[in-house]
Full PDB file with SEQRES, HELIX, SHEET, SSBOND, CRYST1, ORIGX, SCALE, CONECT and MASTER records, all heavy atoms in Angstrom:
SEQRES   1 A   39  ILE GLU CYS ARG ILE ASN ALA GLU ASN PRO LYS LEU GLY          
SEQRES   2 A   39  PHE ARG PRO SER ALA GLY THR ILE THR SER ILE ASN TYR          
SEQRES   3 A   39  PRO ALA GLY PRO TRP VAL ARG PHE ASP THR SER ILE TYR          
HELIX    1 AA1 PRO A   10  LEU A   12  5                                   3    
SHEET    1 AA1 2 GLU A   8  ASN A   9  0                                        
SHEET    2 AA1 2 ARG A  15  PRO A  16 -1                                        
CRYST1    1.000    1.000    1.000  90.00  90.00  90.00 P 1           1          
ORIGX1      1.000000  0.000000  0.000000        0.00000                         
ORIGX2      0.000000  1.000000  0.000000        0.00000                         
ORIGX3      0.000000  0.000000  1.000000        0.00000                         
SCALE1      1.000000  0.000000  0.000000        0.00000                         
SCALE2      0.000000  1.000000  0.000000        0.00000                         
SCALE3      0.000000  0.000000  1.000000        0.00000                         
ATOM      1  N   ILE A   1      99.161 118.054 102.379  1.00  0.00           N  
ATOM      2  CA  ILE A   1      98.880 116.635 102.302  1.00  0.00           C  
ATOM      3  C   ILE A   1     100.131 115.869 102.711  1.00  0.00           C  
ATOM      4  O   ILE A   1     101.263 116.296 102.365  1.00  0.00           O  
ATOM      5  CB  ILE A   1      98.456 116.198 100.892  1.00  0.00           C  
ATOM      6  CG1 ILE A   1      97.347 117.059 100.293  1.00  0.00           C  
ATOM      7  CG2 ILE A   1      98.000 114.721 100.889  1.00  0.00           C  
ATOM      8  CD1 ILE A   1      96.958 116.760  98.899  1.00  0.00           C  
ATOM      9  N   GLU A   2      99.959 114.821 103.432  1.00  0.00           N  
ATOM     10  CA  GLU A   2     101.062 113.940 103.881  1.00  0.00           C  
ATOM     11  C   GLU A   2     100.844 112.501 103.402  1.00  0.00           C  
ATOM     12  O   GLU A   2      99.743 111.972 103.527  1.00  0.00           O  
ATOM     13  CB  GLU A   2     101.177 114.002 105.405  1.00  0.00           C  
ATOM     14  CG  GLU A   2     102.156 112.954 105.956  1.00  0.00           C  
ATOM     15  CD  GLU A   2     102.187 112.958 107.482  1.00  0.00           C  
ATOM     16  OE1 GLU A   2     102.625 113.974 108.064  1.00  0.00           O  
ATOM     17  OE2 GLU A   2     101.773 111.943 108.100  1.00  0.00           O  
ATOM     18  N   CYS A   3     101.918 111.901 102.898  1.00  0.00           N  
ATOM     19  CA  CYS A   3     101.937 110.480 102.546  1.00  0.00           C  
ATOM     20  C   CYS A   3     102.860 109.767 103.533  1.00  0.00           C  
ATOM     21  O   CYS A   3     103.995 110.234 103.724  1.00  0.00           O  
ATOM     22  CB  CYS A   3     102.460 110.231 101.143  1.00  0.00           C  
ATOM     23  SG  CYS A   3     101.239 110.419  99.825  1.00  0.00           S  
ATOM     24  N   ARG A   4     102.421 108.675 104.060  1.00  0.00           N  
ATOM     25  CA  ARG A   4     103.330 107.836 104.923  1.00  0.00           C  
ATOM     26  C   ARG A   4     104.115 106.897 104.005  1.00  0.00           C  
ATOM     27  O   ARG A   4     103.532 106.148 103.220  1.00  0.00           O  
ATOM     28  CB  ARG A   4     102.536 107.057 105.945  1.00  0.00           C  
ATOM     29  CG  ARG A   4     101.711 107.904 106.890  1.00  0.00           C  
ATOM     30  CD  ARG A   4     101.203 107.091 108.045  1.00  0.00           C  
ATOM     31  NE  ARG A   4     100.286 107.897 108.883  1.00  0.00           N  
ATOM     32  CZ  ARG A   4      99.914 107.546 110.107  1.00  0.00           C  
ATOM     33  NH1 ARG A   4     100.307 106.393 110.608  1.00  0.00           N  
ATOM     34  NH2 ARG A   4      99.099 108.307 110.788  1.00  0.00           N  
ATOM     35  N   ILE A   5     105.411 106.974 104.110  1.00  0.00           N  
ATOM     36  CA  ILE A   5     106.284 106.109 103.290  1.00  0.00           C  
ATOM     37  C   ILE A   5     106.665 104.880 104.176  1.00  0.00           C  
ATOM     38  O   ILE A   5     107.337 105.038 105.184  1.00  0.00           O  
ATOM     39  CB  ILE A   5     107.546 106.868 102.834  1.00  0.00           C  
ATOM     40  CG1 ILE A   5     107.111 108.144 102.116  1.00  0.00           C  
ATOM     41  CG2 ILE A   5     108.369 105.970 101.938  1.00  0.00           C  
ATOM     42  CD1 ILE A   5     106.237 107.981 100.907  1.00  0.00           C  
ATOM     43  N   ASN A   6     106.231 103.748 103.743  1.00  0.00           N  
ATOM     44  CA  ASN A   6     106.435 102.519 104.516  1.00  0.00           C  
ATOM     45  C   ASN A   6     107.350 101.536 103.773  1.00  0.00           C  
ATOM     46  O   ASN A   6     107.340 101.458 102.544  1.00  0.00           O  
ATOM     47  CB  ASN A   6     105.088 101.783 104.800  1.00  0.00           C  
ATOM     48  CG  ASN A   6     104.178 102.592 105.637  1.00  0.00           C  
ATOM     49  OD1 ASN A   6     104.608 103.465 106.385  1.00  0.00           O  
ATOM     50  ND2 ASN A   6     102.897 102.306 105.568  1.00  0.00           N  
ATOM     51  N   ALA A   7     108.176 100.828 104.536  1.00  0.00           N  
ATOM     52  CA  ALA A   7     109.021  99.778 103.972  1.00  0.00           C  
ATOM     53  C   ALA A   7     108.214  98.518 103.912  1.00  0.00           C  
ATOM     54  O   ALA A   7     108.194  97.678 104.853  1.00  0.00           O  
ATOM     55  CB  ALA A   7     110.258  99.605 104.841  1.00  0.00           C  
ATOM     56  N   GLU A   8     107.477  98.365 102.829  1.00  0.00           N  
ATOM     57  CA  GLU A   8     106.549  97.215 102.649  1.00  0.00           C  
ATOM     58  C   GLU A   8     106.247  97.028 101.205  1.00  0.00           C  
ATOM     59  O   GLU A   8     106.452  97.930 100.367  1.00  0.00           O  
ATOM     60  CB  GLU A   8     105.277  97.456 103.453  1.00  0.00           C  
ATOM     61  CG  GLU A   8     104.472  98.648 102.971  1.00  0.00           C  
ATOM     62  CD  GLU A   8     103.292  98.998 103.836  1.00  0.00           C  
ATOM     63  OE1 GLU A   8     103.187  98.477 104.957  1.00  0.00           O  
ATOM     64  OE2 GLU A   8     102.424  99.817 103.419  1.00  0.00           O  
ATOM     65  N   ASN A   9     105.701  95.890 100.836  1.00  0.00           N  
ATOM     66  CA  ASN A   9     105.357  95.586  99.466  1.00  0.00           C  
ATOM     67  C   ASN A   9     103.872  95.366  99.340  1.00  0.00           C  
ATOM     68  O   ASN A   9     103.355  94.295  99.722  1.00  0.00           O  
ATOM     69  CB  ASN A   9     106.114  94.312  98.987  1.00  0.00           C  
ATOM     70  CG  ASN A   9     106.004  94.128  97.481  1.00  0.00           C  
ATOM     71  OD1 ASN A   9     104.979  94.418  96.876  1.00  0.00           O  
ATOM     72  ND2 ASN A   9     107.057  93.598  96.879  1.00  0.00           N  
ATOM     73  N   PRO A  10     103.149  96.379  98.814  1.00  0.00           N  
ATOM     74  CA  PRO A  10     101.693  96.231  98.721  1.00  0.00           C  
ATOM     75  C   PRO A  10     101.254  95.074  97.829  1.00  0.00           C  
ATOM     76  O   PRO A  10     100.168  94.514  98.038  1.00  0.00           O  
ATOM     77  CB  PRO A  10     101.282  97.585  98.086  1.00  0.00           C  
ATOM     78  CG  PRO A  10     102.331  98.535  98.487  1.00  0.00           C  
ATOM     79  CD  PRO A  10     103.614  97.718  98.467  1.00  0.00           C  
ATOM     80  N   LYS A  11     102.084  94.692  96.836  1.00  0.00           N  
ATOM     81  CA  LYS A  11     101.733  93.620  95.931  1.00  0.00           C  
ATOM     82  C   LYS A  11     101.821  92.255  96.578  1.00  0.00           C  
ATOM     83  O   LYS A  11     101.297  91.279  96.080  1.00  0.00           O  
ATOM     84  CB  LYS A  11     102.643  93.657  94.681  1.00  0.00           C  
ATOM     85  CG  LYS A  11     102.438  94.922  93.818  1.00  0.00           C  
ATOM     86  CD  LYS A  11     103.387  94.936  92.622  1.00  0.00           C  
ATOM     87  CE  LYS A  11     103.213  96.163  91.768  1.00  0.00           C  
ATOM     88  NZ  LYS A  11     104.155  96.197  90.637  1.00  0.00           N  
ATOM     89  N   LEU A  12     102.510  92.206  97.702  1.00  0.00           N  
ATOM     90  CA  LEU A  12     102.662  90.932  98.437  1.00  0.00           C  
ATOM     91  C   LEU A  12     101.967  91.038  99.776  1.00  0.00           C  
ATOM     92  O   LEU A  12     102.530  90.632 100.805  1.00  0.00           O  
ATOM     93  CB  LEU A  12     104.164  90.620  98.611  1.00  0.00           C  
ATOM     94  CG  LEU A  12     104.971  90.376  97.285  1.00  0.00           C  
ATOM     95  CD1 LEU A  12     106.414  90.156  97.612  1.00  0.00           C  
ATOM     96  CD2 LEU A  12     104.387  89.192  96.551  1.00  0.00           C  
ATOM     97  N   GLY A  13     100.770  91.593  99.772  1.00  0.00           N  
ATOM     98  CA  GLY A  13     100.027  91.683 101.023  1.00  0.00           C  
ATOM     99  C   GLY A  13     100.600  92.650 102.041  1.00  0.00           C  
ATOM    100  O   GLY A  13     100.457  92.459 103.230  1.00  0.00           O  
ATOM    101  N   PHE A  14     101.308  93.670 101.546  1.00  0.00           N  
ATOM    102  CA  PHE A  14     101.952  94.652 102.383  1.00  0.00           C  
ATOM    103  C   PHE A  14     102.996  94.006 103.301  1.00  0.00           C  
ATOM    104  O   PHE A  14     103.148  94.430 104.463  1.00  0.00           O  
ATOM    105  CB  PHE A  14     100.931  95.470 103.212  1.00  0.00           C  
ATOM    106  CG  PHE A  14     100.025  96.273 102.335  1.00  0.00           C  
ATOM    107  CD1 PHE A  14      98.823  95.773 101.865  1.00  0.00           C  
ATOM    108  CD2 PHE A  14     100.350  97.579 102.012  1.00  0.00           C  
ATOM    109  CE1 PHE A  14      97.985  96.530 101.073  1.00  0.00           C  
ATOM    110  CE2 PHE A  14      99.505  98.337 101.183  1.00  0.00           C  
ATOM    111  CZ  PHE A  14      98.333  97.815 100.722  1.00  0.00           C  
ATOM    112  N   ARG A  15     103.706  93.041 102.769  1.00  0.00           N  
ATOM    113  CA  ARG A  15     104.771  92.393 103.516  1.00  0.00           C  
ATOM    114  C   ARG A  15     105.845  93.348 103.890  1.00  0.00           C  
ATOM    115  O   ARG A  15     106.370  94.065 103.040  1.00  0.00           O  
ATOM    116  CB  ARG A  15     105.366  91.240 102.678  1.00  0.00           C  
ATOM    117  CG  ARG A  15     106.368  90.412 103.450  1.00  0.00           C  
ATOM    118  CD  ARG A  15     106.915  89.287 102.559  1.00  0.00           C  
ATOM    119  NE  ARG A  15     107.719  89.822 101.483  1.00  0.00           N  
ATOM    120  CZ  ARG A  15     108.211  89.075 100.452  1.00  0.00           C  
ATOM    121  NH1 ARG A  15     107.928  87.792 100.445  1.00  0.00           N  
ATOM    122  NH2 ARG A  15     108.974  89.655  99.543  1.00  0.00           N  
ATOM    123  N   PRO A  16     106.203  93.446 105.170  1.00  0.00           N  
ATOM    124  CA  PRO A  16     107.296  94.377 105.596  1.00  0.00           C  
ATOM    125  C   PRO A  16     108.596  94.065 104.880  1.00  0.00           C  
ATOM    126  O   PRO A  16     108.853  92.887 104.550  1.00  0.00           O  
ATOM    127  CB  PRO A  16     107.387  94.114 107.105  1.00  0.00           C  
ATOM    128  CG  PRO A  16     106.073  93.561 107.496  1.00  0.00           C  
ATOM    129  CD  PRO A  16     105.602  92.742 106.333  1.00  0.00           C  
ATOM    130  N   SER A  17     109.376  95.093 104.622  1.00  0.00           N  
ATOM    131  CA  SER A  17     110.594  94.916 103.846  1.00  0.00           C  
ATOM    132  C   SER A  17     111.791  95.481 104.660  1.00  0.00           C  
ATOM    133  O   SER A  17     111.906  96.732 104.827  1.00  0.00           O  
ATOM    134  CB  SER A  17     110.527  95.621 102.508  1.00  0.00           C  
ATOM    135  OG  SER A  17     111.735  95.473 101.784  1.00  0.00           O  
ATOM    136  N   ALA A  18     112.624  94.640 105.180  1.00  0.00           N  
ATOM    137  CA  ALA A  18     113.866  95.070 105.848  1.00  0.00           C  
ATOM    138  C   ALA A  18     115.043  94.957 104.891  1.00  0.00           C  
ATOM    139  O   ALA A  18     114.982  94.217 103.907  1.00  0.00           O  
ATOM    140  CB  ALA A  18     114.089  94.199 107.100  1.00  0.00           C  
ATOM    141  N   GLY A  19     116.100  95.712 105.172  1.00  0.00           N  
ATOM    142  CA  GLY A  19     117.280  95.604 104.309  1.00  0.00           C  
ATOM    143  C   GLY A  19     118.054  96.904 104.329  1.00  0.00           C  
ATOM    144  O   GLY A  19     117.697  97.853 104.995  1.00  0.00           O  
ATOM    145  N   THR A  20     119.140  96.944 103.541  1.00  0.00           N  
ATOM    146  CA  THR A  20     120.014  98.078 103.513  1.00  0.00           C  
ATOM    147  C   THR A  20     119.697  99.020 102.355  1.00  0.00           C  
ATOM    148  O   THR A  20     119.482  98.548 101.230  1.00  0.00           O  
ATOM    149  CB  THR A  20     121.487  97.614 103.404  1.00  0.00           C  
ATOM    150  OG1 THR A  20     121.824  96.793 104.508  1.00  0.00           O  
ATOM    151  CG2 THR A  20     122.444  98.801 103.362  1.00  0.00           C  
ATOM    152  N   ILE A  21     119.650 100.332 102.634  1.00  0.00           N  
ATOM    153  CA  ILE A  21     119.385 101.316 101.583  1.00  0.00           C  
ATOM    154  C   ILE A  21     120.619 101.421 100.710  1.00  0.00           C  
ATOM    155  O   ILE A  21     121.681 101.865 101.141  1.00  0.00           O  
ATOM    156  CB  ILE A  21     119.101 102.689 102.242  1.00  0.00           C  
ATOM    157  CG1 ILE A  21     117.978 102.593 103.277  1.00  0.00           C  
ATOM    158  CG2 ILE A  21     118.743 103.700 101.144  1.00  0.00           C  
ATOM    159  CD1 ILE A  21     116.608 102.251 102.746  1.00  0.00           C  
ATOM    160  N   THR A  22     120.495 101.011  99.448  1.00  0.00           N  
ATOM    161  CA  THR A  22     121.640 101.021  98.546  1.00  0.00           C  
ATOM    162  C   THR A  22     121.663 102.324  97.682  1.00  0.00           C  
ATOM    163  O   THR A  22     122.691 102.630  97.072  1.00  0.00           O  
ATOM    164  CB  THR A  22     121.571  99.801  97.585  1.00  0.00           C  
ATOM    165  OG1 THR A  22     120.317  99.784  96.894  1.00  0.00           O  
ATOM    166  CG2 THR A  22     121.708  98.521  98.387  1.00  0.00           C  
ATOM    167  N   SER A  23     120.556 103.045  97.664  1.00  0.00           N  
ATOM    168  CA  SER A  23     120.499 104.300  96.969  1.00  0.00           C  
ATOM    169  C   SER A  23     119.291 105.106  97.418  1.00  0.00           C  
ATOM    170  O   SER A  23     118.269 104.496  97.703  1.00  0.00           O  
ATOM    171  CB  SER A  23     120.364 104.062  95.417  1.00  0.00           C  
ATOM    172  OG  SER A  23     120.229 105.314  94.740  1.00  0.00           O  
ATOM    173  N   ILE A  24     119.453 106.412  97.578  1.00  0.00           N  
ATOM    174  CA  ILE A  24     118.312 107.210  97.999  1.00  0.00           C  
ATOM    175  C   ILE A  24     118.423 108.594  97.370  1.00  0.00           C  
ATOM    176  O   ILE A  24     119.509 109.195  97.333  1.00  0.00           O  
ATOM    177  CB  ILE A  24     118.218 107.299  99.540  1.00  0.00           C  
ATOM    178  CG1 ILE A  24     116.959 108.095  99.943  1.00  0.00           C  
ATOM    179  CG2 ILE A  24     119.491 107.912 100.148  1.00  0.00           C  
ATOM    180  CD1 ILE A  24     116.598 107.943 101.389  1.00  0.00           C  
ATOM    181  N   ASN A  25     117.266 109.082  96.859  1.00  0.00           N  
ATOM    182  CA  ASN A  25     117.200 110.445  96.374  1.00  0.00           C  
ATOM    183  C   ASN A  25     116.083 111.130  97.110  1.00  0.00           C  
ATOM    184  O   ASN A  25     114.911 110.735  97.079  1.00  0.00           O  
ATOM    185  CB  ASN A  25     116.890 110.448  94.855  1.00  0.00           C  
ATOM    186  CG  ASN A  25     116.900 111.835  94.280  1.00  0.00           C  
ATOM    187  OD1 ASN A  25     117.936 112.503  94.201  1.00  0.00           O  
ATOM    188  ND2 ASN A  25     115.737 112.327  93.907  1.00  0.00           N  
ATOM    189  N   TYR A  26     116.429 112.212  97.802  1.00  0.00           N  
ATOM    190  CA  TYR A  26     115.429 112.950  98.597  1.00  0.00           C  
ATOM    191  C   TYR A  26     114.689 113.949  97.707  1.00  0.00           C  
ATOM    192  O   TYR A  26     115.303 114.707  96.947  1.00  0.00           O  
ATOM    193  CB  TYR A  26     116.091 113.707  99.747  1.00  0.00           C  
ATOM    194  CG  TYR A  26     116.794 112.810 100.741  1.00  0.00           C  
ATOM    195  CD1 TYR A  26     118.160 112.560 100.644  1.00  0.00           C  
ATOM    196  CD2 TYR A  26     116.060 112.214 101.773  1.00  0.00           C  
ATOM    197  CE1 TYR A  26     118.787 111.751 101.568  1.00  0.00           C  
ATOM    198  CE2 TYR A  26     116.715 111.390 102.692  1.00  0.00           C  
ATOM    199  CZ  TYR A  26     118.048 111.145 102.594  1.00  0.00           C  
ATOM    200  OH  TYR A  26     118.686 110.358 103.484  1.00  0.00           O  
ATOM    201  N   PRO A  27     113.354 114.051  97.792  1.00  0.00           N  
ATOM    202  CA  PRO A  27     112.605 115.004  97.058  1.00  0.00           C  
ATOM    203  C   PRO A  27     112.911 116.431  97.590  1.00  0.00           C  
ATOM    204  O   PRO A  27     113.192 116.599  98.778  1.00  0.00           O  
ATOM    205  CB  PRO A  27     111.139 114.593  97.282  1.00  0.00           C  
ATOM    206  CG  PRO A  27     111.160 113.873  98.581  1.00  0.00           C  
ATOM    207  CD  PRO A  27     112.491 113.152  98.661  1.00  0.00           C  
ATOM    208  N   ALA A  28     112.799 117.404  96.724  1.00  0.00           N  
ATOM    209  CA  ALA A  28     113.088 118.766  97.132  1.00  0.00           C  
ATOM    210  C   ALA A  28     112.160 119.731  96.394  1.00  0.00           C  
ATOM    211  O   ALA A  28     111.266 119.307  95.635  1.00  0.00           O  
ATOM    212  CB  ALA A  28     114.600 119.115  96.834  1.00  0.00           C  
ATOM    213  N   GLY A  29     112.391 121.007  96.565  1.00  0.00           N  
ATOM    214  CA  GLY A  29     111.580 122.033  95.923  1.00  0.00           C  
ATOM    215  C   GLY A  29     110.831 122.825  96.951  1.00  0.00           C  
ATOM    216  O   GLY A  29     110.754 122.488  98.142  1.00  0.00           O  
ATOM    217  N   PRO A  30     110.215 123.951  96.535  1.00  0.00           N  
ATOM    218  CA  PRO A  30     109.466 124.790  97.472  1.00  0.00           C  
ATOM    219  C   PRO A  30     108.321 124.061  98.131  1.00  0.00           C  
ATOM    220  O   PRO A  30     107.576 123.350  97.487  1.00  0.00           O  
ATOM    221  CB  PRO A  30     108.924 125.920  96.554  1.00  0.00           C  
ATOM    222  CG  PRO A  30     109.792 125.909  95.345  1.00  0.00           C  
ATOM    223  CD  PRO A  30     110.204 124.475  95.168  1.00  0.00           C  
ATOM    224  N   TRP A  31     108.238 124.203  99.438  1.00  0.00           N  
ATOM    225  CA  TRP A  31     107.127 123.676 100.241  1.00  0.00           C  
ATOM    226  C   TRP A  31     107.025 122.150 100.161  1.00  0.00           C  
ATOM    227  O   TRP A  31     105.931 121.585 100.134  1.00  0.00           O  
ATOM    228  CB  TRP A  31     105.812 124.347  99.903  1.00  0.00           C  
ATOM    229  CG  TRP A  31     105.888 125.821 100.067  1.00  0.00           C  
ATOM    230  CD1 TRP A  31     105.953 126.506 101.246  1.00  0.00           C  
ATOM    231  CD2 TRP A  31     105.920 126.839  99.047  1.00  0.00           C  
ATOM    232  NE1 TRP A  31     106.073 127.850 101.054  1.00  0.00           N  
ATOM    233  CE2 TRP A  31     106.042 128.092  99.694  1.00  0.00           C  
ATOM    234  CE3 TRP A  31     105.899 126.790  97.661  1.00  0.00           C  
ATOM    235  CZ2 TRP A  31     106.130 129.285  98.986  1.00  0.00           C  
ATOM    236  CZ3 TRP A  31     105.954 127.964  96.951  1.00  0.00           C  
ATOM    237  CH2 TRP A  31     106.057 129.177  97.589  1.00  0.00           C  
ATOM    238  N   VAL A  32     108.165 121.493 100.095  1.00  0.00           N  
ATOM    239  CA  VAL A  32     108.269 120.028 100.167  1.00  0.00           C  
ATOM    240  C   VAL A  32     109.055 119.672 101.392  1.00  0.00           C  
ATOM    241  O   VAL A  32     110.158 120.166 101.573  1.00  0.00           O  
ATOM    242  CB  VAL A  32     108.898 119.443  98.890  1.00  0.00           C  
ATOM    243  CG1 VAL A  32     109.095 117.924  99.046  1.00  0.00           C  
ATOM    244  CG2 VAL A  32     108.081 119.751  97.638  1.00  0.00           C  
ATOM    245  N   ARG A  33     108.495 118.781 102.192  1.00  0.00           N  
ATOM    246  CA  ARG A  33     109.138 118.390 103.470  1.00  0.00           C  
ATOM    247  C   ARG A  33     109.165 116.861 103.542  1.00  0.00           C  
ATOM    248  O   ARG A  33     108.149 116.205 103.339  1.00  0.00           O  
ATOM    249  CB  ARG A  33     108.355 119.012 104.615  1.00  0.00           C  
ATOM    250  CG  ARG A  33     108.742 118.488 106.028  1.00  0.00           C  
ATOM    251  CD  ARG A  33     107.926 119.292 107.045  1.00  0.00           C  
ATOM    252  NE  ARG A  33     107.969 118.652 108.371  1.00  0.00           N  
ATOM    253  CZ  ARG A  33     107.311 119.148 109.456  1.00  0.00           C  
ATOM    254  NH1 ARG A  33     106.632 120.263 109.334  1.00  0.00           N  
ATOM    255  NH2 ARG A  33     107.412 118.476 110.607  1.00  0.00           N  
ATOM    256  N   PHE A  34     110.332 116.285 103.803  1.00  0.00           N  
ATOM    257  CA  PHE A  34     110.445 114.849 103.926  1.00  0.00           C  
ATOM    258  C   PHE A  34     111.034 114.543 105.316  1.00  0.00           C  
ATOM    259  O   PHE A  34     112.219 114.720 105.591  1.00  0.00           O  
ATOM    260  CB  PHE A  34     111.360 114.279 102.857  1.00  0.00           C  
ATOM    261  CG  PHE A  34     111.435 112.760 102.881  1.00  0.00           C  
ATOM    262  CD1 PHE A  34     110.272 111.988 103.061  1.00  0.00           C  
ATOM    263  CD2 PHE A  34     112.630 112.123 102.641  1.00  0.00           C  
ATOM    264  CE1 PHE A  34     110.355 110.583 103.054  1.00  0.00           C  
ATOM    265  CE2 PHE A  34     112.724 110.741 102.636  1.00  0.00           C  
ATOM    266  CZ  PHE A  34     111.582 109.954 102.838  1.00  0.00           C  
ATOM    267  N   ASP A  35     110.179 114.142 106.223  1.00  0.00           N  
ATOM    268  CA  ASP A  35     110.586 113.786 107.593  1.00  0.00           C  
ATOM    269  C   ASP A  35     110.952 112.294 107.592  1.00  0.00           C  
ATOM    270  O   ASP A  35     110.101 111.439 107.396  1.00  0.00           O  
ATOM    271  CB  ASP A  35     109.427 114.019 108.566  1.00  0.00           C  
ATOM    272  CG  ASP A  35     109.187 115.500 108.895  1.00  0.00           C  
ATOM    273  OD1 ASP A  35     109.753 116.320 108.147  1.00  0.00           O  
ATOM    274  OD2 ASP A  35     108.465 115.803 109.845  1.00  0.00           O  
ATOM    275  N   THR A  36     112.215 112.018 107.812  1.00  0.00           N  
ATOM    276  CA  THR A  36     112.690 110.648 107.736  1.00  0.00           C  
ATOM    277  C   THR A  36     113.902 110.446 108.629  1.00  0.00           C  
ATOM    278  O   THR A  36     114.492 111.362 109.135  1.00  0.00           O  
ATOM    279  CB  THR A  36     113.005 110.227 106.289  1.00  0.00           C  
ATOM    280  OG1 THR A  36     113.251 108.833 106.236  1.00  0.00           O  
ATOM    281  CG2 THR A  36     114.247 110.980 105.794  1.00  0.00           C  
ATOM    282  N   SER A  37     114.278 109.192 108.786  1.00  0.00           N  
ATOM    283  CA  SER A  37     115.452 108.826 109.550  1.00  0.00           C  
ATOM    284  C   SER A  37     116.353 107.913 108.720  1.00  0.00           C  
ATOM    285  O   SER A  37     117.316 107.343 109.256  1.00  0.00           O  
ATOM    286  CB  SER A  37     115.061 108.182 110.877  1.00  0.00           C  
ATOM    287  OG  SER A  37     114.352 107.005 110.654  1.00  0.00           O  
ATOM    288  N   ILE A  38     116.059 107.719 107.448  1.00  0.00           N  
ATOM    289  CA  ILE A  38     116.864 106.802 106.650  1.00  0.00           C  
ATOM    290  C   ILE A  38     117.928 107.574 105.860  1.00  0.00           C  
ATOM    291  O   ILE A  38     117.769 108.765 105.606  1.00  0.00           O  
ATOM    292  CB  ILE A  38     115.997 105.961 105.685  1.00  0.00           C  
ATOM    293  CG1 ILE A  38     115.276 106.848 104.649  1.00  0.00           C  
ATOM    294  CG2 ILE A  38     114.996 105.100 106.445  1.00  0.00           C  
ATOM    295  CD1 ILE A  38     114.584 106.094 103.582  1.00  0.00           C  
ATOM    296  N   TYR A  39     118.976 106.907 105.484  1.00  0.00           N  
ATOM    297  CA  TYR A  39     120.045 107.494 104.708  1.00  0.00           C  
ATOM    298  C   TYR A  39     120.759 106.407 103.938  1.00  0.00           C  
ATOM    299  O   TYR A  39     120.505 105.181 104.156  1.00  0.00           O  
ATOM    300  CB  TYR A  39     121.033 108.244 105.624  1.00  0.00           C  
ATOM    301  CG  TYR A  39     121.629 107.389 106.712  1.00  0.00           C  
ATOM    302  CD1 TYR A  39     122.785 106.614 106.517  1.00  0.00           C  
ATOM    303  CD2 TYR A  39     121.045 107.325 107.993  1.00  0.00           C  
ATOM    304  CE1 TYR A  39     123.309 105.848 107.502  1.00  0.00           C  
ATOM    305  CE2 TYR A  39     121.565 106.536 109.012  1.00  0.00           C  
ATOM    306  CZ  TYR A  39     122.738 105.800 108.759  1.00  0.00           C  
ATOM    307  OH  TYR A  39     123.224 104.989 109.736  1.00  0.00           O  
TER     308      TYR A  39                                                      
MASTER        0    0    0    1    2    0    0    6  307    1    0    3          
END                                                                             
């Protein structure tokens, strides 16, 4: 199964969200894959 991770706010009509990543924790574990370009 794949989930698309979007920079948006579903509570505000899916308003796009731009800005600087101030903290990020990547998921891990067996058979978990996170394809991304953010850091």
